[in-house]
Every structure is written in C-alpha cells, then in structure tokens.
Amino acid sequence: MTQPPAPVVPVCYRHTDRETYVRCNRCDRPICPDCMNEASVGFQCPECVREGSKTQRQARTAFGGTQAGAAGTVTITLIVINVLVFIIGIISAGSNAAKGVAGGGLGGLLSGSTPLHDWGAEVPYFTAQGSGIRLAGDSVADGDFYQLFTSIFLHYGVFHLLMNMWALWILGRPLEAALGRVRFLALYLLCGLGGSVLVFLAAAPNTASAGASGAIFGMFTALIVVFRRMRLSVASIIPVLVLNLILTFSISGISWQAHIGGLVTGALVAAGFAYAPQKQRTPVQIATVAGTLVLFAILLGVGLANVPPVGSVA
C-alpha cells in the first residue's frame, strides 16, 4: 500500500532554513519573524514594503515643498558657499590678504577690494572721473551680466560676511522648512538677482556692489508673507526689518538699491508661492519664477537702453 506524502512545512522565502506559517498579506509568500513588517492588517515581506514606499505619496508642506526642507540643508549649503567664496577672495589677494578681511569702510569693519571682487562685484558702468565720459570696462553695461549673480556671493570683509550669514541662518531655516528646498533656493536667488537689477538701474556709475544683503532683505519680506499666510505672528520680524531699513538709509556706503530690490522681490515671489491655489499650485509657482525672470530681463533691457554709449558724456 502506497504511503501518503509527508506534509510539506512552508519555509521563509528568504531564509529557507526557517519554518513558518505566516504569509505576506500582499504577495502570500511565507515569511519568518525577521522578515515580518507589521502592516495595518497582518504582515508584509520586505519587498512588498519597499514597493509600497515607492508608490506612497510623499508628505508635503502647506506650500507644496517636501518635508526635507526642515533639515535646513540649502540654508547650510548657501552659508558654506559664501564662506568658501570669501576665503577664495582672500587667497586671490595674495600678499595683500589682510586687505580682504578688514581695514576698509565703516571704521575698518569692511574690507577693501580683492582681485575676486574686481572680477565678480557688480558695476553698472564706468565713467571717467571729472569729465563723466562713458568708458568701456568690466561692467554689466559692457556685457558682464554674470556680475548680477556673482556679486550675491561676495562680501567686503569678515563683518559683512558674518552679519549676512547670521541673518541667513535665522531667516533661512524657517523659510526652507515652510517652502521646501527647491522653492526656498529659487526665492533666495531671485531676491539676490532682484537686488542686483535695481543696483544696475539706480546705482551710480563706477560703484562696485557685492553682498547677500539683497537676498537677506528679500527673506525678511518673504517670511512675513509666509507667516501671514500661515496665520502666525510677525511681531518679532517687522521691528528688525524696520531697524535694518533705517540703517540702510542712515549709513553711507550701503547699497540701498540691493536692499530695496531684494525686499520687493521677496514679497512678490513669496506671495506667488504662498497664495497659489492648491489645485494649480505648482504651475502658478513655476509661473511666478518665470514671470519674475522675464520682468528682470525687461528691466535690464530698459536700463541698458538708457546707458550712454562709450565715449559720450554720461
């Protein structure tokens, strides 16, 4: 008489030496205790958990950004970049390295210009001293448009750098947490460019401007807009902004154009980010960035049209 086959005891699909009677709720494969991942009902195997995490929708902030912004990675990266650029500026000065640290304006708190500043600081255009005749040179009007961007990361001395980086640390982290990394970075760069555009339009010729102050002032107004949208108090922000505006117009040598340009840009871009309708949020936010860049291009075109030709009296 033929004996019936011995019952087959199921084993874990990953650990074939372990018997188990528990199966994955999704794929029905046998899983041992080491492979069990508790689910809302029963258990799931590692592969099903991994596959489910790919399709699971990532949590978003109120303005569409990812929760990764809470780590402040972009804020920290921007600070590191500014510090590295400052060090490169000192190195570029060679034997005159101390010139890039301090000893310039504001009672020696600011520094003089280094070769890196001569290349990257923003100059609207050059004129001859005394005669006012327009000269060709390394300026925005002569095609060095990169200065609109590079000047955002240059600083005149340790004091200038520390003040801006402290403000970036204080203002950047809550903004990055609320907006997410990509939106925050776009806001920061647009505010800096907004300050550079107004410098080109309104600053005197031969004036070299640099610093992250335009971006900082933009973050002030952006934080006010974002906090108001979130129904949070802005009572601690407005007095600090007002004090900084008073200092802007009270101390000579400060580029009020960069500050005001960044301030206005920050308010406009943040409003586009914060008040975009939820169903069309991303397209509206992208349109805000694109529209701001188009506006900058138009303003630059107007400014270039008003720059006197080389050789004429400005």
Protein backbone atom coordinates (compact mmCIF):
# COMPACT_ATOMS: atom_id res chain seq x y z
CA MET A 1 0.00 0.00 0.00
CA THR A 2 1.40 3.42 -1.00
CA GLN A 3 2.18 5.78 1.88
CA PRO A 4 0.71 9.32 1.60
CA PRO A 5 3.35 12.03 1.06
CA ALA A 6 4.63 13.74 4.18
CA PRO A 7 3.15 17.19 4.65
CA VAL A 8 5.46 19.96 3.39
CA VAL A 9 6.20 22.54 6.05
CA PRO A 10 6.45 26.04 4.49
CA VAL A 11 9.73 27.89 4.94
CA CYS A 12 10.57 31.56 4.71
CA TYR A 13 11.20 32.59 1.10
CA ARG A 14 14.32 34.50 2.19
CA HIS A 15 15.56 32.14 4.90
CA THR A 16 14.89 28.62 3.66
CA ASP A 17 16.10 27.02 6.90
CA ARG A 18 13.29 28.60 8.94
CA GLU A 19 9.85 27.09 9.11
CA THR A 20 6.91 29.47 9.22
CA TYR A 21 3.17 29.52 8.81
CA VAL A 22 2.89 33.32 8.45
CA ARG A 23 2.44 34.73 4.97
CA CYS A 24 2.81 38.20 3.45
CA ASN A 25 -0.55 39.90 3.24
CA ARG A 26 0.19 41.21 -0.27
CA CYS A 27 2.13 38.51 -2.14
CA ASP A 28 1.26 35.49 0.06
CA ARG A 29 4.89 34.38 0.38
CA PRO A 30 5.91 32.69 3.68
CA ILE A 31 7.90 35.00 5.95
CA CYS A 32 9.81 34.36 9.17
CA PRO A 33 9.80 36.75 12.17
CA ASP A 34 12.91 38.55 10.86
CA CYS A 35 11.13 39.32 7.57
CA MET A 36 7.81 40.39 9.06
CA ASN A 37 6.87 44.07 8.73
CA GLU A 38 3.72 44.94 10.60
CA ALA A 39 1.01 46.39 8.35
CA SER A 40 -2.45 47.78 9.04
CA VAL A 41 -3.68 44.20 8.60
CA GLY A 42 -1.27 41.32 9.17
CA PHE A 43 2.34 41.42 8.00
CA GLN A 44 4.20 42.21 4.78
CA CYS A 45 7.51 41.00 3.39
CA PRO A 46 10.46 43.40 2.85
CA GLU A 47 9.94 43.50 -0.95
CA CYS A 48 6.28 44.47 -0.67
CA VAL A 49 7.12 47.14 1.91
CA ARG A 50 9.82 48.54 -0.37
CA GLU A 51 7.49 48.53 -3.38
CA GLY A 52 4.76 50.21 -1.37
CA SER A 53 7.06 53.00 -0.23
CA LYS A 54 7.77 53.87 -3.87
CA THR A 55 4.10 54.44 -4.63
CA GLN A 56 3.31 56.14 -1.32
CA ARG A 57 2.76 59.86 -1.72
CA GLN A 58 5.46 61.95 -0.03
CA ALA A 59 4.30 64.35 2.66
CA ARG A 60 4.26 67.98 1.56
CA THR A 61 4.33 71.33 3.31
CA ALA A 62 1.45 73.80 3.11
CA PHE A 63 3.13 75.38 0.07
CA GLY A 64 3.93 72.21 -1.87
CA GLY A 65 7.52 71.58 -0.78
CA THR A 66 8.84 68.33 0.66
CA GLN A 67 9.39 67.85 4.38
CA ALA A 68 13.14 67.54 3.67
CA GLY A 69 13.41 71.31 3.93
CA ALA A 70 13.08 71.06 7.71
CA ALA A 71 16.71 69.88 7.84
CA GLY A 72 17.91 73.29 6.56
CA THR A 73 20.27 71.71 4.03
CA VAL A 74 20.01 74.51 1.45
CA THR A 75 20.48 77.20 4.10
CA ILE A 76 23.62 75.49 5.38
CA THR A 77 24.91 74.93 1.83
CA LEU A 78 24.45 78.61 0.96
CA ILE A 79 26.36 79.64 4.08
CA VAL A 80 29.19 77.25 3.21
CA ILE A 81 29.36 78.60 -0.36
CA ASN A 82 29.52 82.20 0.86
CA VAL A 83 32.29 81.35 3.32
CA LEU A 84 34.27 79.45 0.66
CA VAL A 85 33.95 82.35 -1.79
CA PHE A 86 35.18 84.70 0.94
CA ILE A 87 38.23 82.50 1.56
CA ILE A 88 38.93 82.36 -2.19
CA GLY A 89 38.75 86.17 -2.27
CA ILE A 90 41.36 86.41 0.50
CA ILE A 91 43.61 83.93 -1.32
CA SER A 92 43.24 85.93 -4.54
CA ALA A 93 44.69 88.96 -2.74
CA GLY A 94 48.00 87.13 -2.27
CA SER A 95 50.41 89.16 -0.14
CA ASN A 96 47.63 91.68 0.48
CA ALA A 97 45.37 89.04 2.04
CA ALA A 98 44.65 91.24 5.08
CA LYS A 99 43.03 93.69 2.68
CA GLY A 100 40.25 91.16 2.05
CA VAL A 101 39.46 90.74 5.75
CA ALA A 102 39.04 94.25 7.20
CA GLY A 103 40.53 97.72 7.25
CA GLY A 104 38.18 99.38 4.77
CA GLY A 105 34.95 101.30 5.28
CA LEU A 106 32.72 101.59 8.37
CA GLY A 107 35.65 102.30 10.64
CA GLY A 108 37.66 99.40 9.31
CA LEU A 109 34.90 96.80 9.72
CA LEU A 110 34.63 96.32 5.97
CA SER A 111 37.45 95.26 3.68
CA GLY A 112 38.91 96.64 0.51
CA SER A 113 38.57 95.07 -2.90
CA THR A 114 40.41 91.89 -3.86
CA PRO A 115 41.04 90.56 -7.39
CA LEU A 116 37.97 88.37 -6.94
CA HIS A 117 35.90 91.47 -6.14
CA ASP A 118 37.33 93.25 -9.17
CA TRP A 119 36.03 90.37 -11.29
CA GLY A 120 32.73 89.49 -9.60
CA ALA A 121 31.36 92.60 -7.88
CA GLU A 122 28.62 94.40 -9.80
CA VAL A 123 29.47 97.67 -11.56
CA PRO A 124 26.68 99.30 -13.64
CA TYR A 125 29.15 101.03 -15.99
CA PHE A 126 32.30 103.14 -15.91
CA THR A 127 32.84 106.84 -16.48
CA ALA A 128 36.00 108.98 -16.45
CA GLN A 129 36.47 110.87 -13.22
CA GLY A 130 35.78 114.57 -13.68
CA SER A 131 34.71 114.57 -17.33
CA GLY A 132 31.96 111.97 -16.91
CA ILE A 133 32.78 110.41 -20.29
CA ARG A 134 31.49 106.86 -20.55
CA LEU A 135 34.29 104.30 -20.58
CA ALA A 136 34.36 100.66 -21.56
CA GLY A 137 35.23 98.18 -18.83
CA ASP A 138 34.25 95.11 -16.85
CA SER A 139 30.69 96.17 -16.10
CA VAL A 140 27.13 94.97 -16.59
CA ALA A 141 26.52 97.54 -19.33
CA ASP A 142 29.50 96.16 -21.23
CA GLY A 143 28.12 92.62 -21.21
CA ASP A 144 29.42 91.21 -17.91
CA PHE A 145 25.94 90.05 -16.87
CA TYR A 146 27.45 87.35 -14.67
CA GLN A 147 28.14 90.11 -12.13
CA LEU A 148 24.41 90.20 -11.36
CA PHE A 149 24.82 86.68 -9.96
CA THR A 150 28.41 86.51 -8.67
CA SER A 151 28.03 89.69 -6.62
CA ILE A 152 25.42 87.90 -4.47
CA PHE A 153 28.13 85.63 -3.03
CA LEU A 154 30.88 88.21 -2.48
CA HIS A 155 31.38 90.16 0.75
CA TYR A 156 33.57 93.05 1.82
CA GLY A 157 35.25 91.77 4.96
CA VAL A 158 34.54 89.40 7.83
CA PHE A 159 31.99 91.71 9.47
CA HIS A 160 29.95 91.99 6.27
CA LEU A 161 30.03 88.21 5.83
CA LEU A 162 29.16 87.37 9.45
CA MET A 163 26.20 89.74 9.59
CA ASN A 164 24.67 88.35 6.40
CA MET A 165 25.34 84.72 7.27
CA TRP A 166 23.82 85.15 10.73
CA ALA A 167 20.70 86.62 9.11
CA LEU A 168 20.64 83.82 6.54
CA TRP A 169 20.81 81.23 9.34
CA ILE A 170 17.98 82.88 11.31
CA LEU A 171 15.67 83.59 8.36
CA GLY A 172 16.57 80.75 6.01
CA ARG A 173 15.69 77.75 8.18
CA PRO A 174 12.01 78.59 8.81
CA LEU A 175 11.55 79.61 5.18
CA GLU A 176 13.19 76.44 3.88
CA ALA A 177 11.07 74.33 6.24
CA ALA A 178 7.88 76.03 5.03
CA LEU A 179 8.63 76.21 1.30
CA GLY A 180 10.82 73.16 0.77
CA ARG A 181 14.34 73.09 -0.63
CA VAL A 182 13.70 73.92 -4.30
CA ARG A 183 11.25 76.77 -3.68
CA PHE A 184 13.46 78.27 -1.00
CA LEU A 185 16.53 78.19 -3.23
CA ALA A 186 14.55 79.81 -6.06
CA LEU A 187 13.34 82.51 -3.66
CA TYR A 188 16.85 83.22 -2.36
CA LEU A 189 18.43 83.53 -5.80
CA LEU A 190 15.58 85.64 -7.19
CA CYS A 191 15.82 88.04 -4.24
CA GLY A 192 19.55 88.38 -4.80
CA LEU A 193 19.04 88.99 -8.52
CA GLY A 194 16.27 91.49 -7.76
CA GLY A 195 18.72 93.48 -5.68
CA SER A 196 21.33 93.30 -8.45
CA VAL A 197 18.85 94.53 -11.07
CA LEU A 198 17.94 97.61 -9.03
CA VAL A 199 21.66 98.28 -8.42
CA PHE A 200 22.16 98.35 -12.18
CA LEU A 201 19.18 100.64 -12.68
CA ALA A 202 19.76 103.10 -9.84
CA ALA A 203 23.35 102.93 -8.54
CA ALA A 204 25.92 105.50 -9.60
CA PRO A 205 28.48 104.55 -12.27
CA ASN A 206 31.88 103.28 -11.09
CA THR A 207 30.21 101.91 -7.94
CA ALA A 208 31.06 98.28 -7.12
CA SER A 209 28.38 96.45 -5.12
CA ALA A 210 28.51 92.99 -3.54
CA GLY A 211 26.90 91.00 -0.76
CA ALA A 212 23.97 88.76 0.06
CA SER A 213 22.03 91.67 1.56
CA GLY A 214 19.50 91.78 -1.27
CA ALA A 215 18.66 88.14 -0.69
CA ILE A 216 18.53 88.72 3.08
CA PHE A 217 16.07 91.62 2.79
CA GLY A 218 14.01 89.51 0.40
CA MET A 219 13.84 86.77 3.02
CA PHE A 220 12.58 89.27 5.58
CA THR A 221 9.55 90.17 3.50
CA ALA A 222 9.10 86.58 2.30
CA LEU A 223 8.97 85.36 5.90
CA ILE A 224 6.35 88.00 6.71
CA VAL A 225 4.21 86.88 3.74
CA VAL A 226 4.59 83.18 4.58
CA PHE A 227 3.86 83.68 8.28
CA ARG A 228 0.79 85.79 7.50
CA ARG A 229 -0.45 83.04 5.17
CA MET A 230 0.06 80.50 7.96
CA ARG A 231 -1.66 82.85 10.43
CA LEU A 232 1.49 83.15 12.54
CA SER A 233 2.65 86.28 14.34
CA VAL A 234 5.12 88.58 12.56
CA ALA A 235 5.50 90.90 15.54
CA SER A 236 9.12 89.88 16.08
CA ILE A 237 10.10 90.28 12.41
CA ILE A 238 8.75 93.73 11.48
CA PRO A 239 10.76 95.75 14.08
CA VAL A 240 14.01 94.09 12.95
CA LEU A 241 13.19 94.83 9.31
CA VAL A 242 12.36 98.47 10.11
CA LEU A 243 15.64 98.84 12.03
CA ASN A 244 17.59 97.44 9.10
CA LEU A 245 15.83 99.83 6.71
CA ILE A 246 16.75 102.77 8.95
CA LEU A 247 20.38 101.64 8.94
CA THR A 248 20.26 101.19 5.17
CA PHE A 249 19.43 104.85 4.58
CA SER A 250 21.44 106.23 7.52
CA ILE A 251 24.89 104.78 6.85
CA SER A 252 26.82 105.85 3.79
CA GLY A 253 28.33 103.18 1.60
CA ILE A 254 25.43 100.74 1.99
CA SER A 255 23.75 99.76 -1.26
CA TRP A 256 20.12 100.71 -0.61
CA GLN A 257 19.34 99.60 -4.16
CA ALA A 258 20.27 95.99 -3.39
CA HIS A 259 18.27 96.04 -0.16
CA ILE A 260 15.11 97.51 -1.68
CA GLY A 261 15.34 95.40 -4.83
CA GLY A 262 15.61 92.23 -2.77
CA LEU A 263 12.89 93.35 -0.38
CA VAL A 264 10.33 93.95 -3.15
CA THR A 265 11.27 90.75 -4.97
CA GLY A 266 10.93 88.68 -1.81
CA ALA A 267 7.42 89.97 -1.16
CA LEU A 268 6.27 89.34 -4.74
CA VAL A 269 7.78 85.86 -5.12
CA ALA A 270 6.64 84.74 -1.67
CA ALA A 271 3.10 85.92 -2.44
CA GLY A 272 3.13 83.83 -5.62
CA PHE A 273 4.36 80.81 -3.68
CA ALA A 274 2.13 81.19 -0.63
CA TYR A 275 -1.16 82.20 -2.23
CA ALA A 276 -1.11 79.89 -5.24
CA PRO A 277 -4.40 77.92 -5.37
CA GLN A 278 -3.85 74.36 -4.16
CA LYS A 279 -5.14 72.64 -7.31
CA GLN A 280 -2.88 74.73 -9.56
CA ARG A 281 -0.15 75.34 -7.01
CA THR A 282 2.92 74.07 -8.85
CA PRO A 283 2.07 75.68 -12.25
CA VAL A 284 1.37 79.02 -10.54
CA GLN A 285 4.61 78.84 -8.57
CA ILE A 286 6.60 78.00 -11.70
CA ALA A 287 4.89 80.90 -13.49
CA THR A 288 5.88 83.17 -10.59
CA VAL A 289 9.55 82.28 -11.02
CA ALA A 290 9.40 82.57 -14.82
CA GLY A 291 7.48 85.84 -14.67
CA THR A 292 10.00 87.32 -12.24
CA LEU A 293 12.89 86.40 -14.53
CA VAL A 294 11.07 87.93 -17.52
CA LEU A 295 10.49 91.12 -15.51
CA PHE A 296 14.19 91.24 -14.64
CA ALA A 297 15.08 90.85 -18.32
CA ILE A 298 12.73 93.70 -19.29
CA LEU A 299 14.14 95.98 -16.59
CA LEU A 300 17.69 95.17 -17.67
CA GLY A 301 16.74 95.96 -21.26
CA VAL A 302 15.33 99.33 -20.20
CA GLY A 303 18.44 100.04 -18.15
CA LEU A 304 20.79 99.13 -20.99
CA ALA A 305 18.86 101.37 -23.37
CA ASN A 306 19.47 104.32 -21.02
CA VAL A 307 23.21 103.75 -20.60
CA PRO A 308 25.11 106.32 -22.68
CA PRO A 309 27.33 104.96 -25.46
CA VAL A 310 31.07 104.60 -24.86
CA GLY A 311 32.79 107.92 -25.49
CA SER A 312 29.77 110.11 -24.75
CA VAL A 313 29.17 112.15 -21.64
CA ALA A 314 27.04 110.31 -19.09
